[in-house]
Amino acid sequence: MTTTPYGMFPTNYRHARLGELCVEDGGVKTGPFGSQLHLRDYVPIGTPIITVEHLGENRIIHRELPRVSDEDRKRLSRYSLRPGDIVFSRVGSVDLRALVREEESGWLFSGRLLRIRPKLDLIDPGYLSWFFGLPLFREYVRRIAFGATMPSLNTKLLSDLPVYFPSIDQQRAIAHILGTLDDKIELNRRMNETLEAIARAIFKSWFVDFNPVRAKIEGRQPYGMDAETAALFPDSFEDSPLGKIPKGWPILPAGEAVKAVGGSTPSTKNPEYWEGGTFFWATPKDLSTLTSPVLLETERKITDRGIAQISSGLLPRGTVLMSSRAPVGYLALSTVPVAVNQGFIAMVCDGPVSNYYVLNWCHHNMEEIQQRAIGTTFAEISKSAFRPIPMIVPAGSVMIHFTQLIEPLYKAIEERLKESRALATLRDALLPKLISGQLRVKEAERFLK
């Protein structure tokens, strides 16, 4: 075995500087800086340009992507991406990276990233990207990054990093095993996106557009709805402060429809509140990385004595959590009993509306919620500002039917999240063992089967 900055590797592994494994023309390249961009404006439809915020766990996150016009894309064509490239964070979280896939071909990368374009006859891009994911490699990169206020990398630092690798066939086999697990995690994420979109579409149809009521007024059978369900809806509207709403459906302040509470942070200097804690304690950070609005666990746990310091105590499973500052609007349904810090409005839904209704109501009314936030340094919505927001309360029979229809969707989301968490744990355990040669490819394949 050979000792390296990233641990031990078999003696039959080759090694080379990263720059030697990349194409000669722009193999390790910095993205365009602000002065080079000269962008007139981002556009709603155009070519995405990715930055550090879009680097997930070896994948590019397709969310809130800025886009540039065709004219800017052509002008910046030397910064375009193609499948097999790897984009690496240049500043801040310098250990983040993502492999570029077919669907991202032609996208651009910003000056906060470095693009790596490997020589395909020497190094497999999938293997190289997983190599960058080695815990000891990531630790080493964070250590060598320079900068007084923020860690930074440059093309020379990255190009000089040594890389250790087996034969190209072995590289591809390792990348295939890890990639198979990763692909299943991604498939679960996409399926959850679809399930969430279905839930939101049903909520919007029933409680925003009131399509079943409109259909009955016009003498039609509501689309996609059986007669028994359609019978639960009124066949007329009435005037209200919110405009025309289904007849007989009251409007309540949100604070009367749900129990809206906040939380706090017990002194972190008192170990009695934290050491050996068994109760989940959430901060907005726990919601910031969720791929679906379902919370399975929290980064920190708290003790009985810590819970006693929080006036809202331990909130029941099914509580709807909404971050109330920095930023306003992260949403999640807690699948576990949870205590929260001061950055939340937590909604206990034991009244006329279900938690699935409230979760979707918050999503569809987020613009108004955010408009009620105030603050000079950062916006924050207080409980006193949130509670008066008017909420339409559907008839009890409609609410029961909606909950029964929607609940299986969120249960399926929860199960896929749990499966993905288990797959990610397995992937992360296999990663260093496969790449370091501690576990042979055939052994890993038999284990996965």
Protein backbone atom coordinates (compact mmCIF):
# COMPACT_ATOMS: atom_id res chain seq x y z
CA MET A 1 0.00 0.00 0.00
CA THR A 2 1.12 3.56 -0.75
CA THR A 3 0.65 6.36 1.78
CA THR A 4 -0.93 9.49 0.29
CA PRO A 5 -2.47 12.72 1.61
CA TYR A 6 -5.86 11.01 1.23
CA GLY A 7 -5.08 7.68 2.90
CA MET A 8 -3.66 4.38 1.66
CA PHE A 9 -3.88 3.14 -1.93
CA PRO A 10 -2.68 -0.12 -3.52
CA THR A 11 0.84 0.00 -4.90
CA ASN A 12 -0.40 -0.96 -8.37
CA TYR A 13 -2.44 2.25 -8.60
CA ARG A 14 -1.00 4.89 -10.91
CA HIS A 15 -0.85 8.51 -9.85
CA ALA A 16 -0.51 11.84 -11.61
CA ARG A 17 -1.17 15.51 -11.07
CA LEU A 18 -4.76 16.41 -11.88
CA GLY A 19 -3.54 18.81 -14.56
CA GLU A 20 -1.80 15.92 -16.34
CA LEU A 21 -5.08 14.00 -16.46
CA CYS A 22 -6.95 16.86 -18.12
CA VAL A 23 -7.05 18.08 -21.70
CA GLU A 24 -4.32 20.57 -22.51
CA ASP A 25 -6.56 23.42 -23.65
CA GLY A 26 -8.61 24.56 -20.68
CA GLY A 27 -8.49 21.27 -18.78
CA VAL A 28 -8.77 23.11 -15.47
CA LYS A 29 -10.50 26.40 -16.16
CA THR A 30 -11.96 29.20 -14.05
CA GLY A 31 -15.38 30.49 -14.98
CA PRO A 32 -15.95 34.06 -16.19
CA PHE A 33 -15.83 36.77 -13.53
CA GLY A 34 -18.38 39.54 -13.27
CA SER A 35 -16.33 41.95 -15.37
CA GLN A 36 -16.13 39.34 -18.14
CA LEU A 37 -19.81 38.48 -18.13
CA HIS A 38 -21.24 41.87 -19.20
CA LEU A 39 -24.69 40.33 -18.94
CA ARG A 40 -27.48 42.67 -19.93
CA ASP A 41 -29.97 40.77 -17.80
CA TYR A 42 -30.88 37.26 -16.80
CA VAL A 43 -33.78 35.97 -18.86
CA PRO A 44 -36.71 33.68 -17.95
CA ILE A 45 -35.99 31.28 -20.82
CA GLY A 46 -32.42 30.66 -21.90
CA THR A 47 -29.24 28.77 -21.10
CA PRO A 48 -28.68 28.04 -17.39
CA ILE A 49 -25.51 29.31 -15.70
CA ILE A 50 -24.57 27.40 -12.56
CA THR A 51 -22.71 28.55 -9.49
CA VAL A 52 -21.71 27.15 -6.09
CA GLU A 53 -25.32 27.14 -4.85
CA HIS A 54 -26.17 24.57 -7.53
CA LEU A 55 -23.61 21.96 -6.49
CA GLY A 56 -25.30 19.04 -4.74
CA GLU A 57 -23.78 15.70 -3.77
CA ASN A 58 -22.04 15.02 -7.09
CA ARG A 59 -25.04 16.43 -8.98
CA ILE A 60 -26.04 19.82 -10.31
CA ILE A 61 -29.20 21.05 -8.59
CA HIS A 62 -31.79 22.15 -11.15
CA ARG A 63 -33.44 24.75 -8.97
CA GLU A 64 -33.61 28.56 -9.25
CA LEU A 65 -31.10 28.56 -12.09
CA PRO A 66 -30.28 31.96 -13.60
CA ARG A 67 -30.42 31.90 -17.38
CA VAL A 68 -28.76 33.91 -20.13
CA SER A 69 -29.84 34.85 -23.61
CA ASP A 70 -28.68 33.07 -26.78
CA GLU A 71 -26.50 36.09 -27.56
CA ASP A 72 -24.71 35.85 -24.21
CA ARG A 73 -24.42 32.06 -24.53
CA LYS A 74 -22.60 32.39 -27.85
CA ARG A 75 -20.32 35.09 -26.48
CA LEU A 76 -19.46 32.90 -23.46
CA SER A 77 -19.22 29.62 -25.41
CA ARG A 78 -15.69 28.91 -24.12
CA TYR A 79 -17.29 28.49 -20.69
CA SER A 80 -19.83 25.91 -21.83
CA LEU A 81 -20.06 22.47 -20.25
CA ARG A 82 -20.24 19.05 -21.80
CA PRO A 83 -20.99 15.60 -20.34
CA GLY A 84 -18.04 14.25 -18.37
CA ASP A 85 -16.88 17.66 -17.17
CA ILE A 86 -16.65 18.17 -13.42
CA VAL A 87 -17.44 21.53 -11.86
CA PHE A 88 -15.65 22.33 -8.61
CA SER A 89 -16.36 25.06 -6.09
CA ARG A 90 -13.67 27.74 -6.21
CA VAL A 91 -14.68 29.79 -3.16
CA GLY A 92 -16.42 29.09 0.14
CA SER A 93 -17.32 25.39 0.31
CA VAL A 94 -14.26 24.39 -1.71
CA ASP A 95 -14.87 20.65 -1.37
CA LEU A 96 -18.10 20.67 -3.38
CA ARG A 97 -18.17 19.25 -6.89
CA ALA A 98 -20.63 17.84 -9.42
CA LEU A 99 -20.37 15.67 -12.51
CA VAL A 100 -21.92 17.19 -15.63
CA ARG A 101 -24.46 14.89 -17.26
CA GLU A 102 -26.14 14.83 -20.69
CA GLU A 103 -29.03 17.00 -19.54
CA GLU A 104 -26.61 19.79 -18.59
CA SER A 105 -24.71 19.80 -21.88
CA GLY A 106 -24.18 23.35 -23.13
CA TRP A 107 -24.84 24.98 -19.78
CA LEU A 108 -22.43 27.66 -18.53
CA PHE A 109 -20.51 27.95 -15.26
CA SER A 110 -19.76 31.06 -13.23
CA GLY A 111 -16.53 32.57 -11.94
CA ARG A 112 -17.14 30.94 -8.56
CA LEU A 113 -16.49 27.54 -10.13
CA LEU A 114 -13.62 25.67 -11.76
CA ARG A 115 -14.28 23.34 -14.68
CA ILE A 116 -12.29 20.11 -14.95
CA ARG A 117 -12.23 18.36 -18.34
CA PRO A 118 -10.47 14.98 -18.02
CA LYS A 119 -8.68 13.00 -20.74
CA LEU A 120 -11.11 10.14 -21.27
CA ASP A 121 -8.41 7.63 -22.25
CA LEU A 122 -6.63 8.14 -18.91
CA ILE A 123 -9.28 8.78 -16.32
CA ASP A 124 -12.99 8.01 -16.16
CA PRO A 125 -14.97 11.18 -15.26
CA GLY A 126 -17.30 9.24 -12.97
CA TYR A 127 -14.39 7.72 -11.07
CA LEU A 128 -12.61 11.08 -10.84
CA SER A 129 -15.69 12.79 -9.46
CA TRP A 130 -16.15 10.07 -6.83
CA PHE A 131 -12.43 10.35 -6.01
CA PHE A 132 -13.09 14.02 -5.26
CA GLY A 133 -15.79 12.83 -2.86
CA LEU A 134 -13.34 10.91 -0.64
CA PRO A 135 -13.67 12.31 2.90
CA LEU A 136 -9.88 12.63 3.27
CA PHE A 137 -9.59 14.32 -0.14
CA ARG A 138 -12.25 16.85 0.82
CA GLU A 139 -10.54 17.50 4.13
CA TYR A 140 -7.20 17.99 2.36
CA VAL A 141 -8.70 20.47 -0.13
CA ARG A 142 -10.26 22.51 2.67
CA ARG A 143 -6.87 22.59 4.39
CA ILE A 144 -4.87 23.84 1.41
CA ALA A 145 -7.41 26.47 0.31
CA PHE A 146 -6.17 30.00 0.95
CA GLY A 147 -7.90 33.24 1.88
CA ALA A 148 -8.17 35.40 4.98
CA THR A 149 -11.95 35.79 4.91
CA MET A 150 -13.09 32.95 2.63
CA PRO A 151 -11.35 29.72 1.49
CA SER A 152 -10.42 29.84 -2.18
CA LEU A 153 -8.92 27.59 -4.84
CA ASN A 154 -7.34 28.44 -8.17
CA THR A 155 -6.38 26.51 -11.28
CA LYS A 156 -2.80 25.90 -10.08
CA LEU A 157 -3.78 24.53 -6.68
CA LEU A 158 -6.32 22.20 -8.25
CA SER A 159 -4.06 21.18 -11.14
CA ASP A 160 -1.25 20.23 -8.72
CA LEU A 161 -3.39 17.85 -6.65
CA PRO A 162 -2.24 14.23 -6.96
CA VAL A 163 -4.84 11.71 -8.12
CA TYR A 164 -4.56 7.92 -7.60
CA PHE A 165 -6.33 5.52 -9.93
CA PRO A 166 -6.45 1.86 -11.05
CA SER A 167 -6.91 0.64 -14.64
CA ILE A 168 -9.55 2.37 -16.73
CA ASP A 169 -11.78 -0.74 -16.63
CA GLN A 170 -11.56 -0.82 -12.84
CA GLN A 171 -12.32 2.91 -12.69
CA ARG A 172 -15.46 2.43 -14.77
CA ALA A 173 -16.60 -0.49 -12.63
CA ILE A 174 -16.20 1.55 -9.43
CA ALA A 175 -18.01 4.51 -10.97
CA HIS A 176 -20.83 2.21 -12.11
CA ILE A 177 -21.45 0.78 -8.63
CA LEU A 178 -21.47 4.16 -6.91
CA GLY A 179 -23.39 5.74 -9.78
CA THR A 180 -26.09 3.05 -9.62
CA LEU A 181 -26.80 3.90 -5.99
CA ASP A 182 -26.70 7.61 -6.80
CA ASP A 183 -29.06 7.16 -9.75
CA LYS A 184 -31.60 5.41 -7.53
CA ILE A 185 -31.43 8.32 -5.06
CA GLU A 186 -31.99 10.75 -7.93
CA LEU A 187 -34.90 8.68 -9.25
CA ASN A 188 -36.51 8.80 -5.80
CA ARG A 189 -36.04 12.57 -5.71
CA ARG A 190 -37.74 12.99 -9.08
CA MET A 191 -40.59 10.70 -8.14
CA ASN A 192 -41.09 12.71 -4.95
CA GLU A 193 -41.15 15.90 -7.00
CA THR A 194 -43.93 14.38 -9.09
CA LEU A 195 -45.92 13.30 -6.03
CA GLU A 196 -45.55 16.75 -4.47
CA ALA A 197 -46.65 18.38 -7.73
CA ILE A 198 -49.76 16.17 -7.79
CA ALA A 199 -50.65 17.17 -4.21
CA ARG A 200 -50.18 20.86 -5.04
CA ALA A 201 -52.25 20.56 -8.20
CA ILE A 202 -55.16 18.95 -6.33
CA PHE A 203 -55.00 21.62 -3.62
CA LYS A 204 -54.99 24.40 -6.23
CA SER A 205 -57.88 22.87 -8.17
CA TRP A 206 -60.06 22.35 -5.10
CA PHE A 207 -59.18 25.29 -2.87
CA VAL A 208 -57.71 28.05 -5.07
CA ASP A 209 -59.47 27.72 -8.43
CA PHE A 210 -62.55 25.98 -6.92
CA ASN A 211 -62.89 23.86 -10.06
CA PRO A 212 -65.37 21.34 -8.57
CA VAL A 213 -67.73 24.17 -7.58
CA ARG A 214 -67.44 25.85 -10.99
CA ALA A 215 -68.16 22.55 -12.73
CA LYS A 216 -71.33 22.00 -10.66
CA ILE A 217 -72.53 25.53 -11.37
CA GLU A 218 -72.11 24.80 -15.10
CA GLY A 219 -73.88 21.46 -14.74
CA ARG A 220 -70.75 19.44 -15.47
CA GLN A 221 -69.19 16.53 -13.66
CA PRO A 222 -65.90 17.83 -12.15
CA TYR A 223 -62.98 16.53 -14.20
CA GLY A 224 -61.28 13.49 -12.69
CA MET A 225 -63.69 13.33 -9.75
CA ASP A 226 -66.29 10.69 -8.95
CA ALA A 227 -69.89 11.63 -8.18
CA GLU A 228 -69.54 10.82 -4.47
CA THR A 229 -66.67 13.29 -4.05
CA ALA A 230 -68.35 15.93 -6.22
CA ALA A 231 -71.42 15.77 -3.97
CA LEU A 232 -69.33 17.08 -1.07
CA PHE A 233 -68.81 20.46 -2.78
CA PRO A 234 -71.37 23.28 -2.85
CA ASP A 235 -72.93 24.29 -6.16
CA SER A 236 -72.66 28.07 -5.71
CA PHE A 237 -70.37 30.87 -4.54
CA GLU A 238 -70.85 33.65 -2.03
CA ASP A 239 -69.15 37.01 -1.52
CA SER A 240 -66.36 37.30 1.04
CA PRO A 241 -63.42 39.62 1.88
CA LEU A 242 -61.33 37.29 -0.31
CA GLY A 243 -63.76 37.49 -3.23
CA LYS A 244 -66.07 34.73 -4.40
CA ILE A 245 -65.66 31.58 -2.33
CA PRO A 246 -67.68 28.34 -2.12
CA LYS A 247 -70.96 28.86 -0.28
CA GLY A 248 -70.87 27.87 3.37
CA TRP A 249 -67.08 27.76 3.68
CA PRO A 250 -66.02 30.13 6.49
CA ILE A 251 -62.90 32.29 6.60
CA LEU A 252 -60.85 32.17 9.79
CA PRO A 253 -57.64 33.92 10.82
CA ALA A 254 -54.78 31.45 10.42
CA GLY A 255 -54.13 31.71 14.16
CA GLU A 256 -57.64 30.36 14.86
CA ALA A 257 -57.52 27.60 12.26
CA VAL A 258 -54.18 26.30 13.59
CA LYS A 259 -52.12 26.65 16.74
CA ALA A 260 -49.17 28.81 15.62
CA VAL A 261 -46.20 28.78 18.00
CA GLY A 262 -42.52 29.66 17.99
CA GLY A 263 -39.50 28.21 19.72
CA SER A 264 -36.17 29.12 21.25
CA THR A 265 -32.58 27.99 21.73
CA PRO A 266 -31.69 26.83 25.24
CA SER A 267 -28.22 27.96 26.34
CA THR A 268 -25.63 26.06 24.32
CA LYS A 269 -23.21 26.58 27.21
CA ASN A 270 -25.26 24.31 29.46
CA PRO A 271 -24.45 20.67 28.64
CA GLU A 272 -27.53 19.48 30.55
CA TYR A 273 -29.66 20.78 27.69
CA TRP A 274 -27.72 19.07 24.90
CA GLU A 275 -25.40 16.21 25.87
CA GLY A 276 -27.07 12.88 25.36
CA GLY A 277 -30.14 14.57 23.88
CA THR A 278 -32.78 12.26 22.43
CA PHE A 279 -35.39 14.75 21.17
CA PHE A 280 -35.20 16.31 17.71
CA TRP A 281 -34.60 20.07 17.72
CA ALA A 282 -34.97 21.90 14.41
CA THR A 283 -33.46 25.07 12.99
CA PRO A 284 -34.19 26.55 9.53
CA LYS A 285 -30.89 25.03 8.40
CA ASP A 286 -32.48 21.58 8.75
CA LEU A 287 -35.09 22.60 6.17
CA SER A 288 -32.70 24.41 3.81
CA THR A 289 -31.27 21.21 2.29
CA LEU A 290 -34.51 19.21 2.02
CA THR A 291 -35.37 17.93 -1.45
CA SER A 292 -38.99 17.33 -0.37
CA PRO A 293 -41.06 19.16 2.27
CA VAL A 294 -40.81 16.30 4.75
CA LEU A 295 -38.51 16.40 7.80
CA LEU A 296 -37.18 13.01 8.95
CA GLU A 297 -34.54 14.14 11.42
CA THR A 298 -32.55 17.14 12.65
CA GLU A 299 -28.86 17.92 12.94
CA ARG A 300 -29.05 18.39 16.71
CA LYS A 301 -30.96 16.73 19.51
CA ILE A 302 -31.95 18.09 22.90
CA THR A 303 -32.56 16.67 26.39
CA ASP A 304 -35.63 16.70 28.64
CA ARG A 305 -34.19 19.66 30.49
CA GLY A 306 -33.60 21.46 27.21
CA ILE A 307 -37.21 20.86 26.14
CA ALA A 308 -38.35 22.39 29.43
CA GLN A 309 -36.61 25.65 28.44
CA ILE A 310 -38.74 26.00 25.28
CA SER A 311 -42.21 27.40 25.91
CA SER A 312 -43.74 25.49 22.98
CA GLY A 313 -42.17 22.25 24.21
CA LEU A 314 -42.09 19.12 22.08
CA LEU A 315 -44.44 19.50 19.13
CA PRO A 316 -46.34 16.46 17.83
CA ARG A 317 -45.57 14.45 14.74
CA GLY A 318 -47.27 16.08 11.75
CA THR A 319 -46.54 19.66 12.80
CA VAL A 320 -46.10 22.02 9.83
CA LEU A 321 -42.86 23.99 10.11
CA MET A 322 -42.26 27.30 8.33
CA SER A 323 -39.05 29.28 8.70
CA SER A 324 -39.94 32.80 9.81
CA ARG A 325 -36.61 34.47 8.98
CA ALA A 326 -33.37 34.11 7.05
CA PRO A 327 -35.25 33.34 4.85
CA VAL A 328 -39.00 33.35 5.33
CA GLY A 329 -40.64 30.37 3.71
CA TYR A 330 -38.83 27.06 4.13
CA LEU A 331 -41.65 24.54 4.62
CA ALA A 332 -41.76 20.99 5.93
CA LEU A 333 -44.06 18.49 7.53
CA SER A 334 -42.34 16.91 10.53
CA THR A 335 -42.57 13.12 10.63
CA VAL A 336 -41.20 13.04 14.19
CA PRO A 337 -42.00 14.90 17.42
CA VAL A 338 -39.81 17.99 17.31
CA ALA A 339 -38.86 21.12 19.23
CA VAL A 340 -37.93 24.25 17.28
CA ASN A 341 -35.71 27.28 17.66
CA GLN A 342 -36.77 30.91 17.32
CA GLY A 343 -36.55 30.85 13.52
CA PHE A 344 -39.92 29.15 13.01
CA ILE A 345 -43.63 29.51 13.02
CA ALA A 346 -44.74 25.97 13.85
CA MET A 347 -48.35 25.03 13.14
CA VAL A 348 -50.10 22.31 15.13
CA CYS A 349 -53.13 21.31 13.06
CA ASP A 350 -55.62 19.83 15.53
CA GLY A 351 -58.55 22.05 14.47
CA PRO A 352 -60.71 22.36 11.34
CA VAL A 353 -57.85 22.07 8.81
CA SER A 354 -55.41 19.19 8.35
CA ASN A 355 -51.64 19.52 8.23
CA TYR A 356 -51.64 18.54 4.54
CA TYR A 357 -54.04 21.38 3.81
CA VAL A 358 -51.96 23.85 5.85
CA LEU A 359 -48.68 22.81 4.20
CA ASN A 360 -50.13 23.47 0.75
CA TRP A 361 -51.97 26.59 1.91
CA CYS A 362 -48.67 28.07 3.10
CA HIS A 363 -47.04 27.25 -0.23
CA HIS A 364 -49.81 28.88 -2.27
CA ASN A 365 -49.99 31.92 0.03
CA MET A 366 -46.24 32.40 0.48
CA GLU A 367 -46.20 35.72 -1.36
CA GLU A 368 -48.64 37.25 1.14
CA ILE A 369 -46.81 35.66 4.07
CA GLN A 370 -43.52 37.15 2.90
CA GLN A 371 -45.12 40.56 2.33
CA ARG A 372 -46.04 40.65 6.01
CA ALA A 373 -42.41 40.15 7.04
CA ILE A 374 -40.48 43.19 8.23
CA GLY A 375 -36.86 43.92 9.11
CA THR A 376 -33.89 45.98 7.99
CA THR A 377 -31.08 43.41 8.25
CA PHE A 378 -33.21 40.45 7.21
CA ALA A 379 -36.95 39.96 6.80
CA GLU A 380 -38.86 38.20 9.56
CA ILE A 381 -42.54 37.46 10.01
CA SER A 382 -43.74 37.40 13.60
CA LYS A 383 -46.47 35.16 14.93
CA SER A 384 -48.61 38.25 15.54
CA ALA A 385 -48.28 39.19 11.86
CA PHE A 386 -48.96 35.64 10.67
CA ARG A 387 -51.99 34.78 12.79
CA PRO A 388 -54.43 37.31 11.23
CA ILE A 389 -53.88 36.09 7.65
CA PRO A 390 -57.30 34.94 6.41
CA MET A 391 -57.65 31.23 5.64
CA ILE A 392 -60.57 29.64 3.81
CA VAL A 393 -61.80 26.63 5.80
CA PRO A 394 -63.49 24.03 3.56
CA ALA A 395 -66.44 22.01 4.79
CA GLY A 396 -65.44 19.22 7.14
CA SER A 397 -66.43 16.46 4.72
CA VAL A 398 -64.31 18.01 1.96
CA MET A 399 -61.35 18.40 4.34
CA ILE A 400 -61.59 14.75 5.40
CA HIS A 401 -61.75 13.55 1.81
CA PHE A 402 -58.84 15.79 0.75
CA THR A 403 -56.70 14.51 3.63
CA GLN A 404 -57.51 10.87 2.81
CA LEU A 405 -56.61 11.50 -0.83
CA ILE A 406 -53.37 13.40 -0.17
CA GLU A 407 -51.97 11.52 2.82
CA PRO A 408 -50.79 8.48 0.77
CA LEU A 409 -48.78 10.82 -1.48
CA TYR A 410 -46.84 12.25 1.45
CA LYS A 411 -46.44 8.81 3.01
CA ALA A 412 -44.88 7.63 -0.27
CA ILE A 413 -42.59 10.68 -0.26
CA GLU A 414 -41.55 9.85 3.31
CA GLU A 415 -40.77 6.22 2.43
CA ARG A 416 -38.67 7.20 -0.59
CA LEU A 417 -36.76 9.71 1.51
CA LYS A 418 -36.00 7.00 4.05
CA GLU A 419 -34.86 4.67 1.28
CA SER A 420 -32.67 7.38 -0.21
CA ARG A 421 -31.13 8.10 3.18
CA ALA A 422 -30.24 4.40 3.53
CA LEU A 423 -28.84 4.30 -0.02
CA ALA A 424 -26.76 7.43 0.63
CA THR A 425 -25.35 5.88 3.81
CA LEU A 426 -24.43 2.74 1.85
CA ARG A 427 -22.92 4.77 -0.99
CA ASP A 428 -20.84 6.87 1.40
CA ALA A 429 -19.61 3.74 3.19
CA LEU A 430 -18.65 2.02 -0.07
CA LEU A 431 -16.96 5.10 -1.59
CA PRO A 432 -13.65 5.08 0.35
CA LYS A 433 -13.48 1.28 0.45
CA LEU A 434 -13.91 0.86 -3.31
CA ILE A 435 -11.60 3.68 -4.35
CA SER A 436 -8.87 2.70 -1.89
CA GLY A 437 -9.03 -0.93 -2.97
CA GLN A 438 -10.11 -2.19 0.46
CA LEU A 439 -13.23 -3.66 -1.17
CA ARG A 440 -13.03 -5.38 -4.54
CA VAL A 441 -15.54 -4.51 -7.22
CA LYS A 442 -16.87 -8.09 -7.49
CA GLU A 443 -17.39 -8.22 -3.73
CA ALA A 444 -19.33 -4.96 -3.83
CA GLU A 445 -21.45 -6.19 -6.75
CA ARG A 446 -22.31 -9.42 -4.88
CA PHE A 447 -23.20 -7.38 -1.80
CA LEU A 448 -25.51 -5.06 -3.73
CA LYS A 449 -27.27 -8.00 -5.39
